[in-house]
């Protein structure tokens, strides 16, 4: 819970560094924006003090100079590819991003459809954007990409792509997700700009891995944990080491593609402005860590959370064997073991006291751990939540915040009318009941006021929680881990 990152310093330093990079070129910089612009909760978990919308706030400091181009692959439109975090298709996410950017006062110049393929879905998407005043451009598949550099950097390659007309010095290239063609779009634009006599530049902005932290620093290991499904591997940047004699960290895909990118720069501009993948980056996050140990501890916890998630995914039938293997290696590298956290130990102790029934534990900001168990009225997560609020408010543990008389009608509604087999109240239901009680019960009102203090608290459950409980806990800003076990292990096919 200790602050480890200076967010204000980051906003100032990052925006200034990007301004300096713009000035290095012909007052035109194409900035490939990796990772999440909104809701970067991974960064906020491993760098305590980093605000989830920090990158957006940084862009707002440059909004008079910046315009945004959103890129999306035609293949992702046709296949209706879905974002795992939001559960919406990539084409719908483009519309969401446009609304979000414009709502914050940022200028969205256009949308580029990459790897263009003529298809009804693609044409309908373009028509929808054009009808609301958003220009669309097309970039095409290039045979031999990315290795046939001579063909790519020619009129038969990038030359066939539409030139995206931009108005401002900083052009931010972003996308709904990876594999959309952000880098290719930037390089295509450089080719067209140089043909027009504009010596534009390219840079890359990704928060992780942090180039000026050690290779095996927990913050960088946590990035590998977060991308275990992509099999990204952090590496020492050999090009940077050879050019400058300085050890920096990058990741395998950027290092592998750098010789090709560098050759493209040379063909486009006659000379490459960069000697290494690290040179291309503009990330200043590593310079804004103010408590290294706090960030190390937060990152170690994140690796454990990722491991538990993979175990639960495996339990629910997902094919994540390779991810689990990778995460186990990362646990070893970070010197971590499952079961060492206080919140895990207390959850298991509570389960043992009740003969193995489901239990949950929450670690509060001062390090105190409270627990909850299944009962006739509440599930373990709901019970732990109420006990945490009591502890934070200084309310005696024996006092009922919500009376049984108030809970029983809700149980009747669930079981008799809504078809639920589980009469116990979920976390969202007990919070609604607590809110109702707060109108007449001052003690309940005091407890309800403690909810904001749960943000950033670790919670552990001895069983996989329902999606309802998981979503509520996530919205409270808590960090949940679950053991890969069902409350009813005899139900083989349908778990609820």
Protein backbone atom coordinates (compact mmCIF):
# COMPACT_ATOMS: atom_id res chain seq x y z
CA UNK A 1 0.00 0.00 0.00
CA UNK A 2 3.04 2.29 0.23
CA UNK A 3 3.46 4.80 -2.56
CA UNK A 4 6.33 3.83 -4.83
CA UNK A 5 5.78 6.05 -7.87
CA UNK A 6 5.61 9.85 -8.31
CA UNK A 7 2.75 10.35 -10.77
CA UNK A 8 3.04 14.14 -10.98
CA UNK A 9 6.75 13.90 -11.82
CA UNK A 10 5.93 11.28 -14.45
CA UNK A 11 3.35 13.47 -16.21
CA UNK A 12 5.75 16.42 -16.34
CA UNK A 13 8.84 14.42 -17.35
CA UNK A 14 7.09 12.23 -19.91
CA UNK A 15 5.38 15.09 -21.76
CA UNK A 16 8.61 17.11 -21.81
CA UNK A 17 10.59 14.17 -23.20
CA UNK A 18 8.07 13.70 -26.02
CA UNK A 19 8.30 17.42 -26.87
CA UNK A 20 12.07 17.06 -27.09
CA UNK A 21 11.72 14.06 -29.39
CA UNK A 22 9.35 16.00 -31.69
CA UNK A 23 11.97 18.76 -31.95
CA UNK A 24 14.64 16.24 -33.05
CA UNK A 25 12.79 15.74 -36.31
CA UNK A 26 11.07 18.04 -38.79
CA UNK A 27 8.47 18.99 -36.17
CA UNK A 28 6.60 15.79 -37.06
CA UNK A 29 6.69 12.69 -34.87
CA UNK A 30 4.74 9.47 -35.27
CA UNK A 31 4.44 7.97 -31.79
CA UNK A 32 3.46 4.30 -31.58
CA UNK A 33 1.44 4.03 -28.38
CA UNK A 34 1.58 0.55 -26.88
CA UNK A 35 -0.40 -0.81 -23.96
CA UNK A 36 -3.55 0.69 -22.55
CA UNK A 37 -4.26 4.40 -22.73
CA UNK A 38 -7.24 4.06 -20.40
CA UNK A 39 -7.52 1.98 -17.27
CA UNK A 40 -3.91 0.77 -17.11
CA UNK A 41 -4.51 -1.19 -13.94
CA UNK A 42 -1.46 -3.41 -14.38
CA UNK A 43 0.82 -0.36 -14.17
CA UNK A 44 -1.08 0.98 -11.15
CA UNK A 45 -0.70 -2.37 -9.37
CA UNK A 46 3.05 -2.80 -9.92
CA UNK A 47 3.92 0.90 -9.55
CA UNK A 48 1.89 2.05 -6.51
CA UNK A 49 1.06 5.70 -7.10
CA UNK A 50 0.74 5.34 -10.90
CA UNK A 51 -2.78 6.45 -11.81
CA UNK A 52 -4.62 4.15 -14.26
CA UNK A 53 -5.24 7.07 -16.63
CA UNK A 54 -1.71 8.54 -16.36
CA UNK A 55 -0.90 8.08 -20.05
CA UNK A 56 -4.12 9.82 -21.00
CA UNK A 57 -3.37 12.69 -18.60
CA UNK A 58 0.09 12.98 -20.11
CA UNK A 59 -1.41 13.23 -23.59
CA UNK A 60 -3.75 15.96 -22.39
CA UNK A 61 -0.68 18.06 -21.57
CA UNK A 62 0.20 17.79 -25.27
CA UNK A 63 -3.34 18.02 -26.67
CA UNK A 64 -2.71 21.23 -28.65
CA UNK A 65 0.14 19.50 -30.49
CA UNK A 66 -1.34 16.01 -30.77
CA UNK A 67 -3.78 14.19 -32.96
CA UNK A 68 -4.73 10.54 -32.75
CA UNK A 69 -4.93 7.96 -35.50
CA UNK A 70 -6.57 4.66 -34.52
CA UNK A 71 -5.55 1.59 -36.51
CA UNK A 72 -7.44 -1.67 -36.82
CA UNK A 73 -6.72 -4.76 -38.89
CA UNK A 74 -9.30 -5.74 -41.49
CA UNK A 75 -8.85 -9.34 -40.34
CA UNK A 76 -9.93 -8.38 -36.82
CA UNK A 77 -13.05 -6.68 -38.20
CA UNK A 78 -13.97 -9.71 -40.31
CA UNK A 79 -13.35 -12.21 -37.51
CA UNK A 80 -15.14 -10.06 -34.89
CA UNK A 81 -12.10 -10.27 -32.62
CA UNK A 82 -12.99 -9.51 -28.99
CA UNK A 83 -11.06 -7.63 -26.33
CA UNK A 84 -10.65 -9.91 -23.33
CA UNK A 85 -10.92 -7.13 -20.74
CA UNK A 86 -14.02 -5.34 -22.05
CA UNK A 87 -15.71 -8.19 -23.89
CA UNK A 88 -16.42 -6.07 -26.98
CA UNK A 89 -15.25 -6.50 -30.57
CA UNK A 90 -12.29 -4.50 -31.87
CA UNK A 91 -14.45 -2.50 -34.31
CA UNK A 92 -16.80 -1.45 -31.49
CA UNK A 93 -13.78 -0.60 -29.36
CA UNK A 94 -12.58 1.81 -32.06
CA UNK A 95 -15.89 3.67 -31.69
CA UNK A 96 -15.51 3.59 -27.89
CA UNK A 97 -11.98 4.99 -28.15
CA UNK A 98 -13.10 7.80 -30.46
CA UNK A 99 -15.84 8.83 -28.03
CA UNK A 100 -13.47 8.62 -25.06
CA UNK A 101 -10.70 10.63 -26.73
CA UNK A 102 -13.02 13.31 -28.03
CA UNK A 103 -14.81 13.47 -24.69
CA UNK A 104 -11.45 14.38 -23.11
CA UNK A 105 -10.78 17.11 -25.67
CA UNK A 106 -8.28 15.14 -27.79
CA UNK A 107 -8.41 15.37 -31.58
CA UNK A 108 -9.03 12.08 -33.42
CA UNK A 109 -7.87 12.71 -36.96
CA UNK A 110 -8.75 9.44 -38.65
CA UNK A 111 -8.93 5.66 -38.59
CA UNK A 112 -6.66 3.43 -40.68
CA UNK A 113 -7.75 -0.06 -41.72
CA UNK A 114 -4.56 -2.11 -42.00
CA UNK A 115 -4.01 -5.33 -44.02
CA UNK A 116 -7.03 -4.19 -46.01
CA UNK A 117 -9.29 -6.84 -47.47
CA UNK A 118 -12.46 -6.06 -49.39
CA UNK A 119 -15.28 -7.50 -47.32
CA UNK A 120 -18.83 -6.38 -46.44
CA UNK A 121 -17.93 -6.06 -42.76
CA UNK A 122 -14.97 -3.80 -43.52
CA UNK A 123 -16.92 -1.60 -45.92
CA UNK A 124 -19.78 -1.27 -43.41
CA UNK A 125 -17.27 -0.25 -40.73
CA UNK A 126 -15.72 2.41 -42.98
CA UNK A 127 -19.15 3.70 -44.01
CA UNK A 128 -20.22 4.01 -40.38
CA UNK A 129 -17.16 6.09 -39.53
CA UNK A 130 -17.40 8.27 -42.63
CA UNK A 131 -21.08 8.96 -41.94
CA UNK A 132 -20.17 10.53 -38.58
CA UNK A 133 -17.33 12.60 -40.03
CA UNK A 134 -14.34 10.35 -39.22
CA UNK A 135 -12.03 9.87 -42.20
CA UNK A 136 -10.79 6.35 -43.01
CA UNK A 137 -7.66 5.27 -44.85
CA UNK A 138 -6.49 1.92 -46.16
CA UNK A 139 -3.14 0.17 -45.80
CA UNK A 140 -2.56 -3.05 -47.70
CA UNK A 141 -0.82 -6.38 -47.21
CA UNK A 142 2.72 -6.27 -48.54
CA UNK A 143 4.19 -9.57 -49.85
CA UNK A 144 7.35 -10.50 -47.98
CA UNK A 145 6.60 -8.31 -44.95
CA UNK A 146 8.61 -7.69 -42.80
CA UNK A 147 11.79 -9.23 -44.29
CA UNK A 148 11.74 -8.09 -47.95
CA UNK A 149 12.87 -4.58 -47.03
CA UNK A 150 13.62 -3.42 -50.56
CA UNK A 151 10.10 -4.23 -51.70
CA UNK A 152 8.42 -2.89 -48.56
CA UNK A 153 10.16 0.49 -48.79
CA UNK A 154 9.17 1.15 -52.40
CA UNK A 155 6.24 2.29 -54.48
CA UNK A 156 5.15 -1.37 -54.62
CA UNK A 157 5.08 -1.58 -50.83
CA UNK A 158 4.40 1.40 -48.58
CA UNK A 159 3.83 3.47 -51.72
CA UNK A 160 0.55 1.65 -52.39
CA UNK A 161 -0.83 2.57 -48.98
CA UNK A 162 -3.06 5.59 -48.54
CA UNK A 163 -1.19 8.58 -47.16
CA UNK A 164 -2.93 9.49 -43.89
CA UNK A 165 -3.40 13.24 -43.91
CA UNK A 166 -2.45 14.68 -40.53
CA UNK A 167 -2.41 18.23 -39.22
CA UNK A 168 -0.38 18.34 -36.01
CA UNK A 169 3.26 17.81 -34.98
CA UNK A 170 2.56 14.76 -32.77
CA UNK A 171 0.62 11.89 -34.34
CA UNK A 172 -0.28 9.24 -31.79
CA UNK A 173 -0.86 5.83 -33.38
CA UNK A 174 -2.96 3.59 -31.15
CA UNK A 175 -5.17 0.52 -31.57
CA UNK A 176 -7.73 -1.67 -29.78
CA UNK A 177 -5.09 -4.33 -29.17
CA UNK A 178 -1.84 -5.96 -30.29
CA UNK A 179 -1.27 -7.12 -33.86
CA UNK A 180 -3.23 -4.23 -35.35
CA UNK A 181 -0.32 -2.83 -37.38
CA UNK A 182 0.73 0.24 -35.39
CA UNK A 183 4.44 0.11 -36.26
CA UNK A 184 3.79 -0.64 -39.94
CA UNK A 185 1.44 2.35 -40.08
CA UNK A 186 4.10 4.62 -38.57
CA UNK A 187 6.78 3.46 -41.02
CA UNK A 188 4.43 3.77 -43.99
CA UNK A 189 3.74 7.36 -42.96
CA UNK A 190 7.49 8.08 -42.69
CA UNK A 191 7.92 6.81 -46.24
CA UNK A 192 5.16 9.08 -47.56
CA UNK A 193 6.34 12.09 -45.52
CA UNK A 194 9.91 11.79 -46.83
CA UNK A 195 8.61 11.59 -50.41
CA UNK A 196 6.89 14.90 -49.66
CA UNK A 197 10.08 16.41 -48.28
CA UNK A 198 9.10 16.16 -44.61
CA UNK A 199 11.77 14.54 -42.40
CA UNK A 200 9.33 13.02 -39.93
CA UNK A 201 10.39 10.82 -37.03
CA UNK A 202 9.21 7.70 -35.26
CA UNK A 203 9.25 6.77 -31.59
CA UNK A 204 7.68 4.10 -29.44
CA UNK A 205 5.93 4.60 -26.12
CA UNK A 206 5.39 1.50 -24.00
CA UNK A 207 5.52 1.43 -20.21
CA UNK A 208 6.93 -2.09 -19.91
CA UNK A 209 9.47 -3.52 -19.71
CA UNK A 210 11.12 -0.54 -18.02
CA UNK A 211 14.38 -0.11 -19.90
CA UNK A 212 16.44 1.37 -17.05
CA UNK A 213 15.53 -1.22 -14.41
CA UNK A 214 17.49 -4.50 -14.08
CA UNK A 215 16.42 -7.40 -16.28
CA UNK A 216 15.18 -9.47 -13.32
CA UNK A 217 13.69 -6.59 -11.35
CA UNK A 218 10.23 -7.72 -10.10
CA UNK A 219 8.55 -4.89 -12.07
CA UNK A 220 9.96 -6.32 -15.31
CA UNK A 221 9.23 -9.90 -14.25
CA UNK A 222 5.62 -8.85 -13.58
CA UNK A 223 5.42 -7.60 -17.18
CA UNK A 224 6.48 -11.05 -18.39
CA UNK A 225 3.79 -12.53 -16.14
CA UNK A 226 1.19 -10.20 -17.65
CA UNK A 227 2.16 -11.27 -21.18
CA UNK A 228 2.68 -14.97 -20.47
CA UNK A 229 0.04 -15.77 -23.10
CA UNK A 230 2.10 -13.91 -25.74
CA UNK A 231 5.33 -15.57 -24.60
CA UNK A 232 7.12 -12.22 -24.46
CA UNK A 233 10.58 -12.45 -22.95
CA UNK A 234 12.55 -9.55 -21.47
CA UNK A 235 16.10 -9.35 -22.79
CA UNK A 236 19.20 -7.23 -22.52
CA UNK A 237 19.22 -4.97 -25.59
CA UNK A 238 22.39 -6.16 -27.42
CA UNK A 239 22.31 -3.27 -29.89
CA UNK A 240 22.30 -0.68 -27.10
CA UNK A 241 25.05 -2.48 -25.23
CA UNK A 242 27.25 -2.60 -28.33
CA UNK A 243 26.58 1.03 -29.30
CA UNK A 244 26.92 2.67 -25.90
CA UNK A 245 28.33 0.10 -23.47
CA UNK A 246 25.19 0.55 -21.35
CA UNK A 247 22.93 -2.29 -20.22
CA UNK A 248 19.22 -1.70 -20.90
CA UNK A 249 16.17 -3.94 -21.06
CA UNK A 250 13.79 -4.48 -23.95
CA UNK A 251 11.70 -7.43 -25.06
CA UNK A 252 12.26 -10.11 -27.65
CA UNK A 253 9.90 -8.92 -30.38
CA UNK A 254 11.38 -5.42 -30.57
CA UNK A 255 14.93 -6.76 -30.48
CA UNK A 256 14.22 -9.34 -33.19
CA UNK A 257 12.59 -6.82 -35.54
CA UNK A 258 15.10 -3.99 -34.98
CA UNK A 259 17.54 -4.89 -37.81
CA UNK A 260 14.62 -4.89 -40.24
CA UNK A 261 13.22 -1.60 -38.89
CA UNK A 262 16.68 -0.06 -38.99
CA UNK A 263 17.13 -1.07 -42.63
CA UNK A 264 13.76 0.53 -43.41
CA UNK A 265 14.85 3.77 -41.73
CA UNK A 266 17.99 3.81 -43.87
CA UNK A 267 16.04 3.28 -47.09
CA UNK A 268 13.44 5.88 -46.15
CA UNK A 269 15.69 8.63 -44.81
CA UNK A 270 19.19 7.62 -45.92
CA UNK A 271 20.27 7.20 -42.30
CA UNK A 272 18.71 5.65 -39.22
CA UNK A 273 18.22 8.01 -36.27
CA UNK A 274 18.52 5.10 -33.82
CA UNK A 275 21.22 2.61 -32.85
CA UNK A 276 19.01 0.34 -30.73
CA UNK A 277 15.40 -0.55 -29.87
CA UNK A 278 15.92 1.28 -26.56
CA UNK A 279 16.77 4.44 -28.52
CA UNK A 280 13.33 4.29 -30.16
CA UNK A 281 11.52 4.39 -26.82
CA UNK A 282 10.45 7.48 -24.89
CA UNK A 283 9.34 5.88 -21.61
CA UNK A 284 10.30 7.82 -18.46
CA UNK A 285 8.51 5.63 -15.89
CA UNK A 286 11.74 4.21 -14.46
CA UNK A 287 12.88 7.71 -13.52
CA UNK A 288 9.78 8.30 -11.41
CA UNK A 289 10.08 5.38 -8.96
CA UNK A 290 10.49 6.92 -5.50
CA UNK A 291 10.38 3.75 -3.38
CA UNK A 292 11.98 0.79 -5.11
CA UNK A 293 11.09 -1.72 -2.40
CA UNK A 294 7.41 -0.74 -2.51
CA UNK A 295 7.38 -1.37 -6.27
CA UNK A 296 9.25 -4.65 -5.84
CA UNK A 297 6.73 -5.88 -3.26
CA UNK A 298 3.76 -4.79 -5.37
CA UNK A 299 5.22 -6.55 -8.41
CA UNK A 300 5.89 -9.76 -6.51
CA UNK A 301 2.23 -9.80 -5.45
CA UNK A 302 1.19 -9.21 -9.07
CA UNK A 303 3.16 -12.25 -10.26
CA UNK A 304 1.36 -14.39 -7.67
CA UNK A 305 -2.00 -12.97 -8.75
CA UNK A 306 -1.26 -13.83 -12.39
CA UNK A 307 -0.32 -17.37 -11.37
CA UNK A 308 -3.55 -17.92 -9.44
CA UNK A 309 -5.55 -16.58 -12.38
CA UNK A 310 -3.87 -19.03 -14.74
CA UNK A 311 -4.56 -21.91 -12.34
CA UNK A 312 -8.24 -20.91 -12.18
CA UNK A 313 -8.39 -20.59 -15.99
CA UNK A 314 -6.99 -24.12 -16.24
CA UNK A 315 -9.60 -25.34 -13.76
CA UNK A 316 -12.39 -23.85 -15.89
CA UNK A 317 -11.15 -25.70 -18.97
CA UNK A 318 -8.96 -23.15 -20.73
CA UNK A 319 -5.78 -24.33 -22.43
CA UNK A 320 -3.20 -22.37 -20.46
CA UNK A 321 -0.58 -25.05 -19.76
CA UNK A 322 2.22 -23.04 -21.37
CA UNK A 323 1.24 -19.93 -19.39
CA UNK A 324 1.31 -21.87 -16.11
CA UNK A 325 4.77 -23.23 -16.95
CA UNK A 326 6.03 -19.72 -17.77
CA UNK A 327 4.54 -18.28 -14.57
CA UNK A 328 6.10 -21.02 -12.46
CA UNK A 329 9.49 -20.06 -13.89
CA UNK A 330 8.83 -16.42 -13.02
CA UNK A 331 7.82 -17.38 -9.47
CA UNK A 332 11.16 -19.13 -9.12
CA UNK A 333 13.09 -16.19 -10.56
CA UNK A 334 11.38 -13.83 -8.13
CA UNK A 335 11.95 -16.17 -5.18
CA UNK A 336 8.22 -16.57 -4.55
CA UNK A 337 6.09 -19.44 -3.26
CA UNK A 338 2.33 -19.85 -3.19
CA UNK A 339 0.91 -19.73 0.33
CA UNK A 340 3.42 -17.28 1.80
CA UNK A 341 1.14 -14.24 1.82
CA UNK A 342 -0.69 -13.47 5.06
CA UNK A 343 -3.99 -13.20 3.23
CA UNK A 344 -3.61 -16.76 1.88
CA UNK A 345 -2.59 -18.19 5.25
CA UNK A 346 -5.54 -16.59 7.05
CA UNK A 347 -8.05 -17.73 4.41
CA UNK A 348 -6.86 -21.33 4.74
CA UNK A 349 -6.89 -21.11 8.53
CA UNK A 350 -10.50 -19.89 8.44
CA UNK A 351 -11.46 -22.77 6.13
CA UNK A 352 -9.80 -25.31 8.42
CA UNK A 353 -11.75 -23.97 11.41
CA UNK A 354 -14.99 -24.75 9.59
CA UNK A 355 -14.05 -28.19 8.35
CA UNK A 356 -12.93 -27.11 4.90
CA UNK A 357 -15.92 -24.92 4.02
CA UNK A 358 -15.21 -21.96 1.68
CA UNK A 359 -13.50 -19.00 3.33
CA UNK A 360 -12.08 -15.64 2.28
CA UNK A 361 -9.61 -13.15 3.76
CA UNK A 362 -8.90 -9.46 3.17
CA UNK A 363 -5.69 -7.68 4.09
CA UNK A 364 -6.46 -4.12 5.20
CA UNK A 365 -4.20 -1.09 4.62
CA UNK A 366 -2.57 -1.41 8.08
CA UNK A 367 -1.69 -5.08 7.48
CA UNK A 368 -4.55 -6.48 9.57
CA UNK A 369 -6.23 -9.52 8.00
CA UNK A 370 -9.95 -10.19 8.44
CA UNK A 371 -11.73 -13.33 7.33
CA UNK A 372 -15.19 -14.53 6.41
CA UNK A 373 -16.80 -17.93 5.95
CA UNK A 374 -19.93 -19.39 4.40
CA UNK A 375 -23.02 -19.11 6.58
CA UNK A 376 -26.77 -19.52 6.15
CA UNK A 377 -27.17 -15.87 5.12
CA UNK A 378 -23.91 -14.82 3.46
CA UNK A 379 -21.25 -16.32 1.25
CA UNK A 380 -17.63 -16.22 2.42
CA UNK A 381 -16.73 -13.21 0.27
CA UNK A 382 -19.75 -11.22 1.48
CA UNK A 383 -18.98 -12.12 5.09
CA UNK A 384 -15.32 -11.06 4.72
CA UNK A 385 -16.42 -7.80 3.12
CA UNK A 386 -18.72 -6.90 6.01
CA UNK A 387 -16.07 -7.86 8.56
CA UNK A 388 -13.53 -5.66 6.78
CA UNK A 389 -15.91 -2.68 6.89
CA UNK A 390 -16.54 -3.28 10.60
CA UNK A 391 -12.82 -3.37 11.32
CA UNK A 392 -12.15 -0.20 9.33
CA UNK A 393 -15.01 1.61 11.11
CA UNK A 394 -14.05 0.36 14.58
CA UNK A 395 -17.39 -1.45 14.95
CA UNK A 396 -17.59 -4.45 17.27
CA UNK A 397 -17.35 -7.73 15.36
CA UNK A 398 -20.54 -9.11 17.01
CA UNK A 399 -22.77 -6.28 15.80
CA UNK A 400 -24.96 -7.10 12.80
CA UNK A 401 -24.75 -4.36 10.18
CA UNK A 402 -27.69 -5.91 8.29
CA UNK A 403 -30.30 -7.84 10.24
CA UNK A 404 -31.35 -11.35 9.33
CA UNK A 405 -34.87 -9.99 8.97
CA UNK A 406 -33.65 -7.67 6.19
CA UNK A 407 -31.70 -10.44 4.44
CA UNK A 408 -34.40 -13.12 4.42
CA UNK A 409 -36.76 -11.36 1.92
CA UNK A 410 -33.82 -11.00 -0.50
CA UNK A 411 -33.14 -14.74 -0.16
CA UNK A 412 -36.78 -15.48 -0.85
CA UNK A 413 -36.67 -13.30 -3.98
CA UNK A 414 -33.53 -15.10 -5.19
CA UNK A 415 -34.71 -18.67 -4.62
CA UNK A 416 -38.49 -18.48 -5.13
CA UNK A 417 -38.70 -15.99 -8.01
CA UNK A 418 -35.29 -15.63 -9.69
CA UNK A 419 -34.44 -19.33 -9.85
CA UNK A 420 -31.23 -19.27 -7.81
CA UNK A 421 -30.23 -22.41 -5.92
CA UNK A 422 -27.85 -20.48 -3.68
CA UNK A 423 -29.75 -18.51 -1.03
CA UNK A 424 -26.62 -16.83 0.37
CA UNK A 425 -26.13 -13.19 -0.59
CA UNK A 426 -23.40 -12.27 -3.06
CA UNK A 427 -21.18 -9.24 -2.46
CA UNK A 428 -23.27 -6.89 -4.63
CA UNK A 429 -26.46 -8.00 -2.85
CA UNK A 430 -25.06 -7.48 0.64
CA UNK A 431 -23.78 -4.02 -0.32
CA UNK A 432 -27.25 -3.07 -1.58
CA UNK A 433 -28.76 -4.42 1.65
CA UNK A 434 -26.18 -2.46 3.65
CA UNK A 435 -27.03 0.71 1.73
CA UNK A 436 -30.72 0.22 2.48
CA UNK A 437 -29.97 -0.31 6.17
CA UNK A 438 -27.78 2.81 6.27
CA UNK A 439 -30.84 5.03 5.81
CA UNK A 440 -32.11 4.02 9.26
CA UNK A 441 -29.03 2.57 10.92
CA UNK A 442 -26.18 4.97 11.74
CA UNK A 443 -23.75 2.09 12.38
CA UNK A 444 -24.42 0.70 8.90
CA UNK A 445 -23.94 4.19 7.45
CA UNK A 446 -20.52 4.50 9.13
CA UNK A 447 -19.52 1.07 7.78
CA UNK A 448 -20.62 2.00 4.27
CA UNK A 449 -18.38 5.08 4.33
CA UNK A 450 -15.32 2.80 4.66
CA UNK A 451 -15.73 1.26 1.19
CA UNK A 452 -13.17 3.54 -0.44
CA UNK A 453 -10.51 2.28 1.99
CA UNK A 454 -10.74 -1.18 0.44
CA UNK A 455 -9.16 0.03 -2.80
CA UNK A 456 -5.81 -1.69 -3.30
CA UNK A 457 -6.42 -4.32 -0.62
CA UNK A 458 -5.54 -7.96 -1.34
CA UNK A 459 -8.30 -10.55 -1.01
CA UNK A 460 -7.97 -14.34 -1.22
CA UNK A 461 -10.69 -16.97 -1.53
CA UNK A 462 -10.27 -20.71 -0.98
CA UNK A 463 -12.69 -21.37 -3.88
CA UNK A 464 -13.36 -19.82 -7.27
CA UNK A 465 -15.89 -17.04 -6.76
CA UNK A 466 -18.85 -16.34 -9.00
CA UNK A 467 -18.51 -13.76 -11.76
CA UNK A 468 -20.88 -11.52 -9.77
CA UNK A 469 -18.57 -11.51 -6.75
CA UNK A 470 -15.46 -11.15 -8.90
CA UNK A 471 -16.87 -8.14 -10.73
CA UNK A 472 -17.99 -6.42 -7.52
CA UNK A 473 -14.61 -6.92 -5.86
CA UNK A 474 -12.86 -5.60 -8.98
CA UNK A 475 -15.08 -2.49 -9.01
CA UNK A 476 -14.15 -1.84 -5.40
CA UNK A 477 -10.52 -1.71 -6.56
CA UNK A 478 -9.49 -4.80 -4.59
CA UNK A 479 -6.97 -7.37 -5.82
CA UNK A 480 -8.55 -10.83 -5.76
CA UNK A 481 -6.92 -14.25 -5.97
CA UNK A 482 -8.77 -17.57 -5.79
CA UNK A 483 -7.68 -21.13 -5.24
CA UNK A 484 -8.38 -23.33 -8.28
CA UNK A 485 -11.23 -25.20 -6.59
CA UNK A 486 -15.00 -25.16 -6.87
CA UNK A 487 -17.31 -24.89 -3.90
CA UNK A 488 -19.07 -27.97 -5.24
CA UNK A 489 -16.46 -30.17 -6.90
CA UNK A 490 -19.01 -32.85 -7.80
CA UNK A 491 -20.60 -30.57 -10.42
CA UNK A 492 -18.44 -31.47 -13.41
CA UNK A 493 -20.02 -29.63 -16.28
CA UNK A 494 -21.74 -26.45 -15.10
CA UNK A 495 -20.23 -24.29 -12.39
CA UNK A 496 -22.08 -21.32 -10.92
